[in-house]
Structures are given as C-alpha cells and as structure tokens.
Amino acid sequence: MSTRLFLILVFFLVASCSYMPEPLDNPQVSDLSKKCNEETWSYIWIFKKGEDLTASEKKCKIPIRRLDND
C-alpha cells in the first residue's frame, strides 16, 4: 500500500514539474549588475532567450514612480 502511494506521489511530482511558464521554459539570466525598467529594479533578470532585455543600467537614472498607501 505504501509503495503505491509513493509511486502516485512521485508521478504527480514529476507531472507538476514538466510545464514551466515563459520565460522559465527557455531562460537566459543577465549579468550581476543593477538594472531597471519602468517599474522596478533588480540585480538578476530572467528573460526569454533570443529576446532583448528591456531593463538597463541607463534606466536606473530615471526616478521610479512609487505608489504611496497614504
């Protein structure tokens, strides 16, 4: 009984990991430097391979608008 349960759990684990949404299905990671886009900043960007990264160091000089919850 426990072997069947284990096999069923392993099957669902493998099945749940088989689909990855974009850009994780074909990822490319940027170099470790601060880059910004219109909304946020990060040191690591994961984006779709073959496409240009929209974030750049140049955009970090533009102030990012923040939403205040006042």
C-alpha atoms as a PDB file:
ATOM      1  CA  MET A   1       0.000   0.000   0.000  1.00  0.00           C
ATOM      2  CA  SER A   2       2.747   2.477   0.888  1.00  0.00           C
ATOM      3  CA  THR A   3       4.598   1.665  -2.340  1.00  0.00           C
ATOM      4  CA  ARG A   4       1.532   2.564  -4.407  1.00  0.00           C
ATOM      5  CA  LEU A   5       1.066   5.802  -2.530  1.00  0.00           C
ATOM      6  CA  PHE A   6       4.734   6.654  -3.039  1.00  0.00           C
ATOM      7  CA  LEU A   7       4.516   5.944  -6.782  1.00  0.00           C
ATOM      8  CA  ILE A   8       1.390   8.066  -7.126  1.00  0.00           C
ATOM      9  CA  LEU A   9       3.083  10.966  -5.308  1.00  0.00           C
ATOM     10  CA  VAL A  10       6.189  10.656  -7.473  1.00  0.00           C
ATOM     11  CA  PHE A  11       4.038  10.662 -10.615  1.00  0.00           C
ATOM     12  CA  PHE A  12       2.241  13.859  -9.581  1.00  0.00           C
ATOM     13  CA  LEU A  13       5.527  15.493  -8.607  1.00  0.00           C
ATOM     14  CA  VAL A  14       7.078  14.756 -11.999  1.00  0.00           C
ATOM     15  CA  ALA A  15       3.908  15.794 -13.840  1.00  0.00           C
ATOM     16  CA  SER A  16       3.698  19.104 -11.989  1.00  0.00           C
ATOM     17  CA  CYS A  17       7.312  19.985 -12.832  1.00  0.00           C
ATOM     18  CA  SER A  18       7.028  19.229 -16.531  1.00  0.00           C
ATOM     19  CA  TYR A  19       5.414  22.574 -17.530  1.00  0.00           C
ATOM     20  CA  MET A  20       7.262  25.836 -16.972  1.00  0.00           C
ATOM     21  CA  PRO A  21       5.720  29.186 -17.970  1.00  0.00           C
ATOM     22  CA  GLU A  22       7.615  31.777 -20.021  1.00  0.00           C
ATOM     23  CA  PRO A  23      10.403  32.861 -19.596  1.00  0.00           C
ATOM     24  CA  LEU A  24      11.324  29.862 -17.432  1.00  0.00           C
ATOM     25  CA  ASP A  25      10.820  27.372 -20.265  1.00  0.00           C
ATOM     26  CA  ASN A  26      13.728  28.907 -22.225  1.00  0.00           C
ATOM     27  CA  PRO A  27      15.583  31.155 -19.760  1.00  0.00           C
ATOM     28  CA  GLN A  28      18.549  33.436 -20.034  1.00  0.00           C
ATOM     29  CA  VAL A  29      19.987  35.213 -16.997  1.00  0.00           C
ATOM     30  CA  SER A  30      21.524  38.675 -17.136  1.00  0.00           C
ATOM     31  CA  ASP A  31      24.859  39.523 -15.562  1.00  0.00           C
ATOM     32  CA  LEU A  32      25.030  40.611 -11.933  1.00  0.00           C
ATOM     33  CA  SER A  33      24.627  44.368 -12.147  1.00  0.00           C
ATOM     34  CA  LYS A  34      21.794  46.665 -11.150  1.00  0.00           C
ATOM     35  CA  LYS A  35      19.338  47.184 -13.986  1.00  0.00           C
ATOM     36  CA  CYS A  36      15.984  48.946 -14.016  1.00  0.00           C
ATOM     37  CA  ASN A  37      12.888  49.008 -16.175  1.00  0.00           C
ATOM     38  CA  GLU A  38       9.882  51.308 -15.917  1.00  0.00           C
ATOM     39  CA  GLU A  39       8.515  49.603 -12.800  1.00  0.00           C
ATOM     40  CA  THR A  40      11.273  48.041 -10.721  1.00  0.00           C
ATOM     41  CA  TRP A  41      14.971  47.277 -10.340  1.00  0.00           C
ATOM     42  CA  SER A  42      16.930  44.078  -9.777  1.00  0.00           C
ATOM     43  CA  TYR A  43      20.454  42.686  -9.886  1.00  0.00           C
ATOM     44  CA  ILE A  44      19.359  39.453 -11.613  1.00  0.00           C
ATOM     45  CA  TRP A  45      16.931  39.370 -14.539  1.00  0.00           C
ATOM     46  CA  ILE A  46      15.497  36.181 -16.058  1.00  0.00           C
ATOM     47  CA  PHE A  47      14.219  36.738 -19.572  1.00  0.00           C
ATOM     48  CA  LYS A  48      13.374  34.714 -22.663  1.00  0.00           C
ATOM     49  CA  LYS A  49      16.410  33.551 -24.624  1.00  0.00           C
ATOM     50  CA  GLY A  50      16.734  35.235 -28.008  1.00  0.00           C
ATOM     51  CA  GLU A  51      14.887  38.397 -26.931  1.00  0.00           C
ATOM     52  CA  ASP A  52      16.489  41.610 -25.743  1.00  0.00           C
ATOM     53  CA  LEU A  53      16.362  42.518 -22.076  1.00  0.00           C
ATOM     54  CA  THR A  54      14.240  45.647 -21.601  1.00  0.00           C
ATOM     55  CA  ALA A  55      15.944  46.625 -18.327  1.00  0.00           C
ATOM     56  CA  SER A  56      19.203  48.555 -18.416  1.00  0.00           C
ATOM     57  CA  GLU A  57      21.599  50.462 -16.184  1.00  0.00           C
ATOM     58  CA  LYS A  58      20.724  53.663 -18.046  1.00  0.00           C
ATOM     59  CA  LYS A  59      17.077  53.419 -16.950  1.00  0.00           C
ATOM     60  CA  CYS A  60      18.164  53.390 -13.281  1.00  0.00           C
ATOM     61  CA  LYS A  61      18.923  57.093 -13.537  1.00  0.00           C
ATOM     62  CA  ILE A  62      15.235  57.802 -14.223  1.00  0.00           C
ATOM     63  CA  PRO A  63      13.300  58.034 -10.928  1.00  0.00           C
ATOM     64  CA  ILE A  64      10.859  55.183 -10.374  1.00  0.00           C
ATOM     65  CA  ARG A  65       7.326  56.261  -9.501  1.00  0.00           C
ATOM     66  CA  ARG A  66       6.157  54.801  -6.217  1.00  0.00           C
ATOM     67  CA  LEU A  67       2.595  54.287  -5.120  1.00  0.00           C
ATOM     68  CA  ASP A  68       2.043  55.545  -1.577  1.00  0.00           C
ATOM     69  CA  ASN A  69      -0.645  53.929   0.525  1.00  0.00           C
ATOM     70  CA  ASP A  70      -1.464  57.115   2.458  1.00  0.00           C
END
